[in-house]
C-alpha atoms as a PDB file:
ATOM      1  CA  UNK A   1       2.236   9.027   6.572  1.00  0.00           C
ATOM      2  CA  UNK A   2       0.061   5.991   7.094  1.00  0.00           C
ATOM      3  CA  UNK A   3      -1.275   5.300   3.587  1.00  0.00           C
ATOM      4  CA  UNK A   4      -4.979   5.923   4.244  1.00  0.00           C
ATOM      5  CA  UNK A   5      -5.267   8.842   1.785  1.00  0.00           C
ATOM      6  CA  UNK A   6      -5.115   8.123  -1.943  1.00  0.00           C
ATOM      7  CA  UNK A   7      -3.648  11.597  -2.634  1.00  0.00           C
ATOM      8  CA  UNK A   8      -0.505  10.696  -0.610  1.00  0.00           C
ATOM      9  CA  UNK A   9       0.326   7.704  -2.829  1.00  0.00           C
ATOM     10  CA  UNK A  10       1.927   7.957  -6.259  1.00  0.00           C
ATOM     11  CA  UNK A  11       3.332   5.427  -8.704  1.00  0.00           C
ATOM     12  CA  UNK A  12       7.059   4.934  -8.056  1.00  0.00           C
ATOM     13  CA  UNK A  13       6.831   5.602  -4.299  1.00  0.00           C
ATOM     14  CA  UNK A  14       8.572   3.244  -1.808  1.00  0.00           C
ATOM     15  CA  UNK A  15       6.003   1.814   0.629  1.00  0.00           C
ATOM     16  CA  UNK A  16       5.407  -0.944   3.160  1.00  0.00           C
ATOM     17  CA  UNK A  17       2.249  -2.935   2.512  1.00  0.00           C
ATOM     18  CA  UNK A  18       0.432  -5.692   4.340  1.00  0.00           C
ATOM     19  CA  UNK A  19      -0.536  -8.661   2.175  1.00  0.00           C
ATOM     20  CA  UNK A  20      -3.910 -10.388   2.674  1.00  0.00           C
ATOM     21  CA  UNK A  21      -2.274 -13.542   4.061  1.00  0.00           C
ATOM     22  CA  UNK A  22      -0.159 -11.474   6.495  1.00  0.00           C
ATOM     23  CA  UNK A  23      -3.038  -9.508   8.062  1.00  0.00           C
ATOM     24  CA  UNK A  24      -3.130 -11.695  11.193  1.00  0.00           C
ATOM     25  CA  UNK A  25       0.645 -11.629  11.770  1.00  0.00           C
ATOM     26  CA  UNK A  26       1.075  -7.973  10.761  1.00  0.00           C
ATOM     27  CA  UNK A  27       4.151  -8.777   8.619  1.00  0.00           C
ATOM     28  CA  UNK A  28       4.975  -5.883   6.269  1.00  0.00           C
ATOM     29  CA  UNK A  29       6.345  -6.203   2.738  1.00  0.00           C
ATOM     30  CA  UNK A  30       8.359  -3.378   1.176  1.00  0.00           C
ATOM     31  CA  UNK A  31       8.304  -2.397  -2.468  1.00  0.00           C
ATOM     32  CA  UNK A  32       7.637   0.256  -5.084  1.00  0.00           C
ATOM     33  CA  UNK A  33       4.076   1.210  -6.116  1.00  0.00           C
ATOM     34  CA  UNK A  34       3.140   0.299  -9.698  1.00  0.00           C
ATOM     35  CA  UNK A  35      -0.674   0.748  -9.656  1.00  0.00           C
ATOM     36  CA  UNK A  36      -3.202   2.193  -7.196  1.00  0.00           C
ATOM     37  CA  UNK A  37      -6.189  -0.170  -6.962  1.00  0.00           C
ATOM     38  CA  UNK A  38      -8.460   1.689  -4.513  1.00  0.00           C
ATOM     39  CA  UNK A  39     -10.779   4.173  -6.245  1.00  0.00           C
ATOM     40  CA  UNK A  40     -12.050   6.050  -3.171  1.00  0.00           C
ATOM     41  CA  UNK A  41     -10.143   9.065  -1.755  1.00  0.00           C
ATOM     42  CA  UNK A  42      -9.554   7.364   1.611  1.00  0.00           C
ATOM     43  CA  UNK A  43      -9.759   3.883   3.130  1.00  0.00           C
ATOM     44  CA  UNK A  44      -9.667   3.063   6.869  1.00  0.00           C
ATOM     45  CA  UNK A  45      -7.360   0.031   6.382  1.00  0.00           C
ATOM     46  CA  UNK A  46      -5.039   1.670   3.839  1.00  0.00           C
ATOM     47  CA  UNK A  47      -5.109   2.211   0.084  1.00  0.00           C
ATOM     48  CA  UNK A  48      -4.754  -1.006  -1.919  1.00  0.00           C
ATOM     49  CA  UNK A  49      -1.829  -0.996  -4.365  1.00  0.00           C
ATOM     50  CA  UNK A  50       0.049  -3.326  -6.713  1.00  0.00           C
ATOM     51  CA  UNK A  51       3.832  -3.313  -6.349  1.00  0.00           C
ATOM     52  CA  UNK A  52       6.274  -3.529  -9.261  1.00  0.00           C
ATOM     53  CA  UNK A  53       6.838  -7.232  -8.409  1.00  0.00           C
ATOM     54  CA  UNK A  54       3.080  -7.942  -8.735  1.00  0.00           C
ATOM     55  CA  UNK A  55       2.200  -8.279  -5.044  1.00  0.00           C
ATOM     56  CA  UNK A  56      -1.064  -6.642  -3.925  1.00  0.00           C
ATOM     57  CA  UNK A  57      -1.738  -5.248  -0.484  1.00  0.00           C
ATOM     58  CA  UNK A  58      -2.784  -2.253   1.589  1.00  0.00           C
ATOM     59  CA  UNK A  59      -0.304   0.551   2.316  1.00  0.00           C
ATOM     60  CA  UNK A  60       0.699   0.792   5.968  1.00  0.00           C
ATOM     61  CA  UNK A  61       3.741   3.098   5.709  1.00  0.00           C
ATOM     62  CA  UNK A  62       5.076   5.517   3.101  1.00  0.00           C
ATOM     63  CA  UNK A  63       8.876   5.877   2.936  1.00  0.00           C
ATOM     64  CA  UNK A  64      10.487   9.090   1.762  1.00  0.00           C
END
């Protein structure tokens, strides 16, 4: 799953996100979802989330 659908993402899920400052390099950061920040059902660049450590970024990968 690529993280573009809000329905696929739940609090407590392990994900890889891309932080704003890493968008050019494409560096991914892994963590656990705390809050979902995007209100719309889908987003072409990934749903924006806040991780448990406070970092905010867009979901690129969902880990099972």
